[in-house]
Amino acid sequence: MKLRFSVLLLILTLINSFGHPCVAQNRPEYVLVIHGGAGTILKENMTPEKEKAYLKKLGEALDAGEQVLKTGGSSLDAVTQAILVMENSPLFNAGKGAVFTAEGVNEMDASIMNGKDLNAGAVTGVRHIKNPILGARAVMEKTPHVLLAGAGAEELALKEGLEMADSSYFFTESRWENYLKVKEKAEKHGTVGAVALDKYGNLAAATSTGGMTYKMKGRVGDSPIIGAGTYADNNTCAVSATGHGEYFMRYVVTYDITALMKYKGFSLKEATEEVIMRKLKNVGGDGGVIAVDKDGNIAITFNTAGMYRGYTRSDGERGIMIFKKTK
């Protein structure tokens, strides 16, 4: 009897030492990181009014995702809600603010991935789904597939009752001006993304984009490609990328980061810097990633002049930034 009591006491002591079984010691209850694209983003080229508008909208996206996480919602729902805010804003190259192709139309891509079971969904070349991230999630949850393109993706969206929009909804004057100036090398590419860790230890990542200004008919970038623009695995981390998609596809950037952690024991910081600051930079690949690992560590790594970005944690730590930090 005394032995049984001693064993029970030992078990209770170990539980108290390690805390709640779903939360590792020192790991925040939840983490959310977002981005709104990376590139030649310089303070001298931005008006105070526009800077304020970007900071405000990034804050709104963080608030939307954090509300899900703090009330016990899933990381999947959190990244979805954060992306929706940015897709609905003309400030970002996704959804409402998507850039124009060489044909003068808006074609959008998006992807989402669940780190718990590696389930994923993506859409590419869609023109009428108001929120492409919801199309990607429908592919993940309602079909046995990972990626649907064009008309097939839009038929699924209609079937699932997603809100559709006429092409006029996606028209914004600033994106049209970029399109008209493309012959003057006004190439523009950007993306929105979110990664999250929820209270249950599950990771998720999501990415949405309008692609590159004046992109060739049929061109698909990295954003809807699992392993290139988006990846999540509960054993390592969740990653969303932004930048010159061709390089992110060739170097399978988001998966490469998780692989370095899984097979070489790299920390999140070491893995993102190895891939973005060395591998990509050495071959001329511009862009960056946001990432959160299974322990709640954050990485925001980019090799460009700026990146619209923000993060929030359950301990109250929060930050929203645009330009590269100067020493």
Protein backbone atom coordinates (compact mmCIF):
# COMPACT_ATOMS: atom_id res chain seq x y z
CA MET A 1 0.00 0.00 0.00
CA LYS A 2 2.85 2.36 0.90
CA LEU A 3 4.57 1.53 -2.38
CA ARG A 4 1.46 2.38 -4.38
CA PHE A 5 1.09 5.65 -2.52
CA SER A 6 4.74 6.51 -3.20
CA VAL A 7 4.34 5.80 -6.93
CA LEU A 8 1.18 7.93 -7.06
CA LEU A 9 2.96 10.76 -5.25
CA LEU A 10 5.85 10.56 -7.71
CA ILE A 11 3.47 10.76 -10.70
CA LEU A 12 1.69 13.79 -9.24
CA THR A 13 5.03 15.48 -8.58
CA LEU A 14 6.17 14.91 -12.17
CA ILE A 15 2.89 16.32 -13.56
CA ASN A 16 3.26 19.42 -11.41
CA SER A 17 6.89 19.80 -12.48
CA PHE A 18 6.14 19.67 -16.17
CA GLY A 19 2.87 21.60 -16.08
CA HIS A 20 -0.13 21.08 -18.35
CA PRO A 21 0.48 18.08 -20.64
CA CYS A 22 -0.46 20.13 -23.75
CA VAL A 23 1.96 22.96 -23.02
CA ALA A 24 5.74 22.50 -22.81
CA GLN A 25 7.64 24.38 -20.13
CA ASN A 26 8.38 27.99 -21.14
CA ARG A 27 6.33 27.61 -24.32
CA PRO A 28 3.81 30.41 -24.83
CA GLU A 29 0.19 29.31 -24.97
CA TYR A 30 -0.08 30.64 -28.50
CA VAL A 31 1.87 32.55 -31.15
CA LEU A 32 0.81 34.24 -34.37
CA VAL A 33 3.11 35.75 -37.01
CA ILE A 34 1.98 37.47 -40.22
CA HIS A 35 3.54 39.06 -43.30
CA GLY A 36 2.25 41.26 -46.07
CA GLY A 37 5.06 40.81 -48.57
CA ALA A 38 8.78 41.58 -48.83
CA GLY A 39 10.70 43.68 -51.33
CA THR A 40 12.24 47.07 -51.97
CA ILE A 41 10.23 48.75 -49.23
CA LEU A 42 12.03 51.94 -48.20
CA LYS A 43 10.89 54.54 -45.68
CA GLU A 44 11.89 57.40 -47.98
CA ASN A 45 9.52 56.08 -50.65
CA MET A 46 6.49 55.86 -48.38
CA THR A 47 4.27 58.67 -47.16
CA PRO A 48 3.47 58.85 -43.43
CA GLU A 49 -0.20 58.30 -44.29
CA LYS A 50 0.51 55.11 -46.20
CA GLU A 51 2.84 53.80 -43.51
CA LYS A 52 0.14 54.42 -40.92
CA ALA A 53 -2.42 52.59 -43.09
CA TYR A 54 -0.18 49.52 -43.43
CA LEU A 55 0.58 49.40 -39.69
CA LYS A 56 -3.13 49.70 -38.89
CA LYS A 57 -4.15 46.91 -41.24
CA LEU A 58 -1.37 44.60 -40.03
CA GLY A 59 -2.61 45.25 -36.51
CA GLU A 60 -6.15 44.34 -37.52
CA ALA A 61 -4.93 41.08 -39.04
CA LEU A 62 -3.06 40.23 -35.84
CA ASP A 63 -6.14 41.06 -33.75
CA ALA A 64 -8.35 38.80 -35.87
CA GLY A 65 -6.02 35.82 -35.60
CA GLU A 66 -5.20 36.37 -31.93
CA GLN A 67 -8.89 36.50 -31.01
CA VAL A 68 -9.19 32.93 -32.29
CA LEU A 69 -6.13 31.71 -30.40
CA LYS A 70 -6.85 33.36 -27.06
CA THR A 71 -10.35 31.86 -26.96
CA GLY A 72 -9.03 28.35 -27.55
CA GLY A 73 -9.49 28.21 -31.32
CA SER A 74 -7.25 26.30 -33.67
CA SER A 75 -4.12 27.51 -35.42
CA LEU A 76 -5.87 26.75 -38.73
CA ASP A 77 -8.71 29.12 -37.91
CA ALA A 78 -6.26 31.75 -36.65
CA VAL A 79 -4.19 31.88 -39.84
CA THR A 80 -7.37 31.87 -41.93
CA GLN A 81 -8.82 34.86 -40.10
CA ALA A 82 -5.56 36.82 -40.28
CA ILE A 83 -5.28 36.18 -44.03
CA LEU A 84 -8.90 37.23 -44.62
CA VAL A 85 -8.21 40.69 -43.20
CA MET A 86 -5.30 41.18 -45.60
CA GLU A 87 -7.12 39.68 -48.58
CA ASN A 88 -9.96 42.15 -48.01
CA SER A 89 -7.60 45.13 -48.06
CA PRO A 90 -6.40 46.83 -51.27
CA LEU A 91 -3.05 47.46 -49.55
CA PHE A 92 -1.75 43.94 -50.11
CA ASN A 93 -1.13 41.86 -53.21
CA ALA A 94 -3.78 39.26 -52.39
CA GLY A 95 -7.55 39.19 -52.86
CA LYS A 96 -8.86 42.74 -53.23
CA GLY A 97 -5.39 44.19 -53.89
CA ALA A 98 -4.16 41.54 -56.34
CA VAL A 99 -1.91 42.74 -59.15
CA PHE A 100 -2.69 42.34 -62.87
CA THR A 101 -1.33 39.70 -65.24
CA ALA A 102 0.01 40.40 -68.75
CA GLU A 103 -3.59 39.98 -69.97
CA GLY A 104 -4.78 42.71 -67.60
CA VAL A 105 -6.71 40.37 -65.29
CA ASN A 106 -6.35 39.32 -61.64
CA GLU A 107 -5.32 35.70 -61.04
CA MET A 108 -4.84 34.59 -57.45
CA ASP A 109 -3.21 31.72 -55.61
CA ALA A 110 -3.42 30.52 -52.01
CA SER A 111 -2.48 27.57 -49.82
CA ILE A 112 -2.96 26.34 -46.27
CA MET A 113 -1.41 23.48 -44.27
CA ASN A 114 -2.16 21.76 -40.98
CA GLY A 115 0.94 20.76 -39.03
CA LYS A 116 -0.99 18.17 -37.02
CA ASP A 117 -1.57 15.74 -39.89
CA LEU A 118 0.24 17.40 -42.84
CA ASN A 119 -3.11 17.89 -44.57
CA ALA A 120 -3.00 20.75 -47.07
CA GLY A 121 -5.02 22.53 -49.71
CA ALA A 122 -4.29 25.08 -52.43
CA VAL A 123 -5.85 26.93 -55.35
CA THR A 124 -4.14 28.59 -58.29
CA GLY A 125 -5.20 30.84 -61.15
CA VAL A 126 -8.56 31.74 -59.62
CA ARG A 127 -10.27 34.93 -60.77
CA HIS A 128 -13.59 35.09 -58.96
CA ILE A 129 -13.17 33.64 -55.46
CA LYS A 130 -13.40 36.69 -53.22
CA ASN A 131 -11.13 35.10 -50.60
CA PRO A 132 -8.75 32.59 -52.18
CA ILE A 133 -7.60 31.32 -48.77
CA LEU A 134 -11.13 29.96 -48.22
CA GLY A 135 -10.87 28.20 -51.57
CA ALA A 136 -7.61 26.60 -50.47
CA ARG A 137 -9.17 25.48 -47.21
CA ALA A 138 -12.12 23.98 -49.10
CA VAL A 139 -9.71 21.92 -51.19
CA MET A 140 -8.05 20.66 -47.99
CA GLU A 141 -11.24 19.87 -46.10
CA LYS A 142 -13.72 18.91 -48.84
CA THR A 143 -11.63 16.99 -51.39
CA PRO A 144 -8.98 14.25 -51.41
CA HIS A 145 -6.68 16.58 -53.37
CA VAL A 146 -4.07 19.20 -52.48
CA LEU A 147 -4.16 21.64 -55.43
CA LEU A 148 -6.99 22.68 -57.74
CA ALA A 149 -6.53 25.16 -60.60
CA GLY A 150 -8.71 27.74 -62.35
CA ALA A 151 -12.25 26.68 -63.21
CA GLY A 152 -12.08 23.50 -61.14
CA ALA A 153 -11.19 25.47 -58.02
CA GLU A 154 -13.95 27.99 -58.69
CA GLU A 155 -16.55 25.25 -59.22
CA LEU A 156 -15.63 23.81 -55.82
CA ALA A 157 -15.92 27.26 -54.25
CA LEU A 158 -19.41 27.70 -55.70
CA LYS A 159 -20.44 24.25 -54.53
CA GLU A 160 -19.26 25.04 -51.01
CA GLY A 161 -21.08 28.36 -50.96
CA LEU A 162 -18.01 30.59 -50.84
CA GLU A 163 -18.50 34.22 -51.78
CA MET A 164 -17.60 34.95 -55.38
CA ALA A 165 -16.83 38.34 -56.91
CA ASP A 166 -16.92 39.97 -60.32
CA SER A 167 -13.57 41.01 -61.78
CA SER A 168 -14.39 44.65 -61.00
CA TYR A 169 -14.12 43.89 -57.26
CA PHE A 170 -10.40 43.19 -57.60
CA PHE A 171 -9.63 46.34 -59.59
CA THR A 172 -7.59 48.94 -57.72
CA GLU A 173 -6.15 52.06 -59.34
CA SER A 174 -2.66 51.67 -57.87
CA ARG A 175 -2.30 48.08 -59.16
CA TRP A 176 -3.53 49.16 -62.59
CA GLU A 177 -0.90 51.91 -62.67
CA ASN A 178 1.78 49.33 -61.85
CA TYR A 179 0.48 47.24 -64.72
CA LEU A 180 0.67 50.17 -67.15
CA LYS A 181 4.23 50.98 -66.07
CA VAL A 182 5.54 47.43 -66.38
CA LYS A 183 7.58 48.22 -69.48
CA GLU A 184 9.46 50.71 -67.31
CA LYS A 185 10.46 47.79 -65.09
CA ALA A 186 7.74 48.30 -62.53
CA GLU A 187 7.69 44.58 -61.78
CA LYS A 188 6.00 43.92 -58.48
CA HIS A 189 5.50 40.77 -56.48
CA GLY A 190 4.20 40.31 -52.98
CA THR A 191 2.21 37.98 -50.84
CA VAL A 192 0.39 37.75 -47.52
CA GLY A 193 0.92 34.96 -45.05
CA ALA A 194 0.35 33.77 -41.51
CA VAL A 195 1.72 31.06 -39.24
CA ALA A 196 0.41 30.08 -35.82
CA LEU A 197 0.87 27.83 -32.81
CA ASP A 198 -2.27 27.19 -30.78
CA LYS A 199 -2.89 26.16 -27.17
CA TYR A 200 -2.95 22.50 -28.15
CA GLY A 201 0.51 22.54 -29.70
CA ASN A 202 -0.74 22.45 -33.28
CA LEU A 203 0.96 24.47 -36.00
CA ALA A 204 -0.56 25.87 -39.20
CA ALA A 205 0.60 28.02 -42.10
CA ALA A 206 -1.25 29.88 -44.86
CA THR A 207 -0.25 32.04 -47.83
CA SER A 208 -2.21 34.07 -50.41
CA THR A 209 -1.10 36.17 -53.38
CA GLY A 210 -2.00 37.89 -56.61
CA GLY A 211 1.37 36.83 -58.05
CA MET A 212 3.69 39.06 -60.07
CA THR A 213 2.64 42.15 -61.96
CA TYR A 214 2.43 41.39 -65.70
CA LYS A 215 3.02 37.68 -65.13
CA MET A 216 2.88 35.42 -68.16
CA LYS A 217 -0.38 33.64 -68.94
CA GLY A 218 -0.47 30.38 -66.98
CA ARG A 219 2.37 31.30 -64.66
CA VAL A 220 2.14 29.77 -61.17
CA GLY A 221 4.37 30.97 -58.35
CA ASP A 222 5.40 29.41 -55.06
CA SER A 223 2.44 30.50 -52.91
CA PRO A 224 0.11 27.60 -53.81
CA ILE A 225 2.95 25.07 -53.82
CA ILE A 226 3.25 23.07 -50.59
CA GLY A 227 6.91 22.97 -49.59
CA ALA A 228 7.81 26.08 -51.58
CA GLY A 229 5.52 28.84 -50.30
CA THR A 230 3.84 27.12 -47.36
CA TYR A 231 4.67 24.28 -44.97
CA ALA A 232 3.69 23.17 -41.49
CA ASP A 233 4.69 20.17 -39.39
CA ASN A 234 4.02 19.84 -35.66
CA ASN A 235 7.41 18.12 -35.29
CA THR A 236 9.30 21.20 -36.47
CA CYS A 237 7.67 24.47 -37.51
CA ALA A 238 5.18 26.36 -39.68
CA VAL A 239 6.50 28.59 -42.48
CA SER A 240 5.01 31.08 -44.99
CA ALA A 241 7.16 32.65 -47.70
CA THR A 242 7.12 35.75 -49.85
CA GLY A 243 9.39 36.85 -52.67
CA HIS A 244 10.48 35.80 -56.15
CA GLY A 245 8.53 32.57 -56.45
CA GLU A 246 10.68 30.84 -59.05
CA TYR A 247 13.58 30.70 -56.58
CA PHE A 248 11.36 29.55 -53.73
CA MET A 249 10.12 26.68 -55.90
CA ARG A 250 13.55 25.66 -57.15
CA TYR A 251 14.96 25.55 -53.65
CA VAL A 252 11.79 24.20 -51.97
CA VAL A 253 12.31 26.87 -49.34
CA THR A 254 9.65 26.21 -46.72
CA TYR A 255 10.26 22.48 -46.68
CA ASP A 256 14.03 22.99 -46.68
CA ILE A 257 13.72 24.97 -43.45
CA THR A 258 11.74 22.20 -41.76
CA ALA A 259 14.12 19.55 -43.12
CA LEU A 260 17.17 21.31 -41.68
CA MET A 261 15.47 21.29 -38.29
CA LYS A 262 14.28 17.69 -38.55
CA TYR A 263 17.34 16.02 -40.01
CA LYS A 264 20.23 18.28 -39.01
CA GLY A 265 19.01 19.59 -35.67
CA PHE A 266 19.10 23.25 -36.69
CA SER A 267 17.23 25.75 -34.54
CA LEU A 268 14.47 27.75 -36.26
CA LYS A 269 16.72 30.81 -36.43
CA GLU A 270 19.63 28.81 -37.87
CA ALA A 271 17.42 27.12 -40.47
CA THR A 272 15.74 30.29 -41.75
CA GLU A 273 19.03 32.18 -41.95
CA GLU A 274 20.75 29.30 -43.76
CA VAL A 275 18.05 29.16 -46.41
CA ILE A 276 17.13 32.85 -46.85
CA MET A 277 20.37 34.67 -46.06
CA ARG A 278 22.80 32.20 -47.62
CA LYS A 279 21.25 29.72 -50.07
CA LEU A 280 18.75 32.10 -51.67
CA LYS A 281 20.84 35.23 -51.44
CA ASN A 282 23.81 33.51 -53.10
CA VAL A 283 21.74 32.74 -56.20
CA GLY A 284 19.95 36.09 -56.37
CA GLY A 285 16.66 35.00 -54.82
CA ASP A 286 14.89 37.91 -53.09
CA GLY A 287 12.33 37.46 -50.35
CA GLY A 288 11.75 36.18 -46.87
CA VAL A 289 9.81 33.94 -44.53
CA ILE A 290 7.89 34.07 -41.28
CA ALA A 291 8.01 30.99 -39.08
CA VAL A 292 7.10 29.65 -35.65
CA ASP A 293 8.40 26.39 -34.23
CA LYS A 294 6.76 23.81 -31.95
CA ASP A 295 8.17 25.56 -28.87
CA GLY A 296 6.80 28.97 -29.83
CA ASN A 297 10.05 30.49 -31.09
CA ILE A 298 9.60 33.03 -33.89
CA ALA A 299 11.71 33.75 -36.97
CA ILE A 300 11.13 36.64 -39.38
CA THR A 301 13.95 36.46 -41.90
CA PHE A 302 14.28 38.38 -45.17
CA ASN A 303 17.08 39.51 -47.50
CA THR A 304 15.24 42.52 -48.94
CA ALA A 305 15.02 46.16 -47.87
CA GLY A 306 11.75 45.64 -46.05
CA MET A 307 8.90 43.31 -45.20
CA TYR A 308 5.41 44.06 -43.91
CA ARG A 309 5.28 41.93 -40.78
CA GLY A 310 3.90 41.50 -37.30
CA TYR A 311 3.63 39.03 -34.44
CA THR A 312 1.80 38.50 -31.18
CA ARG A 313 2.23 36.05 -28.31
CA SER A 314 0.11 34.96 -25.37
CA ASP A 315 2.51 36.64 -22.94
CA GLY A 316 1.58 40.04 -24.39
CA GLU A 317 4.67 40.52 -26.53
CA ARG A 318 3.69 42.12 -29.84
CA GLY A 319 5.37 43.89 -32.72
CA ILE A 320 4.46 45.38 -36.10
CA MET A 321 7.18 46.48 -38.52
CA ILE A 322 7.78 47.39 -42.15
CA PHE A 323 11.37 48.45 -42.73
CA LYS A 324 14.61 46.63 -42.07
CA LYS A 325 16.00 47.35 -38.63
CA THR A 326 19.12 49.50 -38.61
CA LYS A 327 21.88 48.89 -36.11
